[in-house]
C-alpha atoms as a PDB file:
ATOM      1  CA  UNK A   1    -112.188 -53.458 113.274  1.00  0.00           C
ATOM      2  CA  UNK A   2    -113.216 -54.547 109.762  1.00  0.00           C
ATOM      3  CA  UNK A   3    -115.237 -57.444 111.227  1.00  0.00           C
ATOM      4  CA  UNK A   4    -117.085 -55.075 113.564  1.00  0.00           C
ATOM      5  CA  UNK A   5    -118.064 -52.924 110.557  1.00  0.00           C
ATOM      6  CA  UNK A   6    -119.208 -55.997 108.671  1.00  0.00           C
ATOM      7  CA  UNK A   7    -121.180 -57.150 111.673  1.00  0.00           C
ATOM      8  CA  UNK A   8    -122.866 -53.803 111.866  1.00  0.00           C
ATOM      9  CA  UNK A   9    -123.642 -53.610 108.128  1.00  0.00           C
ATOM     10  CA  UNK A  10    -125.074 -57.156 107.850  1.00  0.00           C
ATOM     11  CA  UNK A  11    -126.735 -57.099 111.260  1.00  0.00           C
ATOM     12  CA  UNK A  12    -124.756 -60.014 112.781  1.00  0.00           C
ATOM     13  CA  UNK A  13    -125.564 -59.780 116.450  1.00  0.00           C
ATOM     14  CA  UNK A  14    -125.960 -62.219 119.340  1.00  0.00           C
ATOM     15  CA  UNK A  15    -129.551 -63.133 118.223  1.00  0.00           C
ATOM     16  CA  UNK A  16    -128.349 -63.976 114.703  1.00  0.00           C
ATOM     17  CA  UNK A  17    -125.519 -66.103 116.011  1.00  0.00           C
ATOM     18  CA  UNK A  18    -127.920 -67.979 118.298  1.00  0.00           C
ATOM     19  CA  UNK A  19    -130.165 -68.554 115.318  1.00  0.00           C
ATOM     20  CA  UNK A  20    -127.202 -69.893 113.362  1.00  0.00           C
ATOM     21  CA  UNK A  21    -126.344 -72.269 116.141  1.00  0.00           C
ATOM     22  CA  UNK A  22    -130.009 -73.415 116.307  1.00  0.00           C
ATOM     23  CA  UNK A  23    -129.716 -74.200 112.573  1.00  0.00           C
ATOM     24  CA  UNK A  24    -126.949 -76.630 113.417  1.00  0.00           C
ATOM     25  CA  UNK A  25    -123.950 -74.406 112.400  1.00  0.00           C
ATOM     26  CA  UNK A  26    -122.106 -73.916 115.735  1.00  0.00           C
ATOM     27  CA  UNK A  27    -118.524 -73.581 114.514  1.00  0.00           C
ATOM     28  CA  UNK A  28    -118.794 -71.342 111.585  1.00  0.00           C
ATOM     29  CA  UNK A  29    -116.147 -68.673 110.880  1.00  0.00           C
ATOM     30  CA  UNK A  30    -117.355 -65.038 110.761  1.00  0.00           C
ATOM     31  CA  UNK A  31    -117.188 -64.835 106.942  1.00  0.00           C
ATOM     32  CA  UNK A  32    -119.839 -67.729 106.831  1.00  0.00           C
ATOM     33  CA  UNK A  33    -122.146 -65.709 108.952  1.00  0.00           C
ATOM     34  CA  UNK A  34    -121.734 -62.787 106.517  1.00  0.00           C
ATOM     35  CA  UNK A  35    -122.498 -65.059 103.577  1.00  0.00           C
ATOM     36  CA  UNK A  36    -125.596 -66.394 105.424  1.00  0.00           C
ATOM     37  CA  UNK A  37    -126.832 -62.833 105.810  1.00  0.00           C
ATOM     38  CA  UNK A  38    -126.046 -61.704 102.308  1.00  0.00           C
ATOM     39  CA  UNK A  39    -127.805 -64.678 100.760  1.00  0.00           C
ATOM     40  CA  UNK A  40    -130.671 -64.650 103.240  1.00  0.00           C
ATOM     41  CA  UNK A  41    -130.134 -68.186 104.676  1.00  0.00           C
ATOM     42  CA  UNK A  42    -133.069 -68.425 107.154  1.00  0.00           C
ATOM     43  CA  UNK A  43    -134.073 -71.333 109.470  1.00  0.00           C
ATOM     44  CA  UNK A  44    -137.083 -71.704 107.264  1.00  0.00           C
ATOM     45  CA  UNK A  45    -134.991 -72.251 104.115  1.00  0.00           C
ATOM     46  CA  UNK A  46    -132.729 -74.765 106.005  1.00  0.00           C
ATOM     47  CA  UNK A  47    -135.786 -76.641 107.165  1.00  0.00           C
ATOM     48  CA  UNK A  48    -137.245 -76.700 103.651  1.00  0.00           C
ATOM     49  CA  UNK A  49    -134.075 -78.067 102.118  1.00  0.00           C
ATOM     50  CA  UNK A  50    -133.504 -80.605 104.905  1.00  0.00           C
ATOM     51  CA  UNK A  51    -137.097 -81.834 104.622  1.00  0.00           C
ATOM     52  CA  UNK A  52    -136.350 -82.735 100.956  1.00  0.00           C
ATOM     53  CA  UNK A  53    -133.524 -84.934 101.968  1.00  0.00           C
ATOM     54  CA  UNK A  54    -130.456 -82.640 101.830  1.00  0.00           C
ATOM     55  CA  UNK A  55    -129.282 -83.054 105.441  1.00  0.00           C
ATOM     56  CA  UNK A  56    -125.435 -82.941 105.457  1.00  0.00           C
ATOM     57  CA  UNK A  57    -124.919 -79.559 103.964  1.00  0.00           C
ATOM     58  CA  UNK A  58    -122.263 -76.909 104.896  1.00  0.00           C
ATOM     59  CA  UNK A  59    -122.833 -73.134 104.496  1.00  0.00           C
ATOM     60  CA  UNK A  60    -121.130 -73.097 101.097  1.00  0.00           C
ATOM     61  CA  UNK A  61    -123.633 -75.726  99.748  1.00  0.00           C
ATOM     62  CA  UNK A  62    -126.548 -73.801 101.117  1.00  0.00           C
ATOM     63  CA  UNK A  63    -125.253 -70.542  99.600  1.00  0.00           C
ATOM     64  CA  UNK A  64    -125.041 -72.328  96.184  1.00  0.00           C
ATOM     65  CA  UNK A  65    -128.598 -73.404  96.558  1.00  0.00           C
ATOM     66  CA  UNK A  66    -129.659 -69.884  97.245  1.00  0.00           C
ATOM     67  CA  UNK A  67    -127.528 -68.440  94.400  1.00  0.00           C
ATOM     68  CA  UNK A  68    -129.128 -70.868  91.849  1.00  0.00           C
ATOM     69  CA  UNK A  69    -132.644 -70.573  93.340  1.00  0.00           C
ATOM     70  CA  UNK A  70    -132.965 -74.229  94.171  1.00  0.00           C
ATOM     71  CA  UNK A  71    -135.825 -74.634  96.599  1.00  0.00           C
ATOM     72  CA  UNK A  72    -138.002 -77.498  97.691  1.00  0.00           C
ATOM     73  CA  UNK A  73    -140.125 -77.435  94.551  1.00  0.00           C
ATOM     74  CA  UNK A  74    -137.076 -77.554  92.356  1.00  0.00           C
ATOM     75  CA  UNK A  75    -135.630 -80.389  94.428  1.00  0.00           C
ATOM     76  CA  UNK A  76    -138.935 -82.446  94.016  1.00  0.00           C
ATOM     77  CA  UNK A  77    -138.932 -81.857  90.381  1.00  0.00           C
ATOM     78  CA  UNK A  78    -135.211 -82.846  90.070  1.00  0.00           C
ATOM     79  CA  UNK A  79    -135.960 -85.989  92.124  1.00  0.00           C
ATOM     80  CA  UNK A  80    -138.812 -86.851  89.781  1.00  0.00           C
ATOM     81  CA  UNK A  81    -136.265 -86.431  86.814  1.00  0.00           C
ATOM     82  CA  UNK A  82    -133.931 -88.910  88.602  1.00  0.00           C
ATOM     83  CA  UNK A  83    -131.276 -86.299  89.467  1.00  0.00           C
ATOM     84  CA  UNK A  84    -129.136 -87.387  92.386  1.00  0.00           C
ATOM     85  CA  UNK A  85    -129.688 -85.405  95.554  1.00  0.00           C
ATOM     86  CA  UNK A  86    -126.286 -83.695  95.430  1.00  0.00           C
ATOM     87  CA  UNK A  87    -125.794 -79.940  95.495  1.00  0.00           C
ATOM     88  CA  UNK A  88    -123.538 -80.044  92.433  1.00  0.00           C
ATOM     89  CA  UNK A  89    -125.994 -82.202  90.416  1.00  0.00           C
ATOM     90  CA  UNK A  90    -128.938 -79.940  91.349  1.00  0.00           C
ATOM     91  CA  UNK A  91    -126.941 -76.850  90.249  1.00  0.00           C
ATOM     92  CA  UNK A  92    -126.106 -78.637  86.914  1.00  0.00           C
ATOM     93  CA  UNK A  93    -129.811 -79.350  86.502  1.00  0.00           C
ATOM     94  CA  UNK A  94    -130.643 -75.722  87.187  1.00  0.00           C
ATOM     95  CA  UNK A  95    -128.180 -74.314  84.646  1.00  0.00           C
ATOM     96  CA  UNK A  96    -129.074 -77.046  82.110  1.00  0.00           C
ATOM     97  CA  UNK A  97    -125.867 -79.050  81.829  1.00  0.00           C
ATOM     98  CA  UNK A  98    -126.913 -82.149  83.823  1.00  0.00           C
ATOM     99  CA  UNK A  99    -126.812 -85.385  81.812  1.00  0.00           C
ATOM    100  CA  UNK A 100    -128.332 -88.641  82.963  1.00  0.00           C
END
């Protein structure tokens, strides 16, 4: 019953699940769907991140990128600063603790 309530609150319906599958996440647990809704993981954001070279990401990685406001512009700047294209390194760069 709790999952049904969450699905209603976060608008997780058949259309959203189809959208998630189209983004390449076809075996995600329900809690991942909730996280995707909470942090506004959209097909556009996924495409933007993948176009910058981050292609093998799971939902947790993408959520981290959203939490730390890491978008394509930030990734391009990080790349110019020779930061490896890894989620943890990008997060470190964002919070100011990345060392070359």
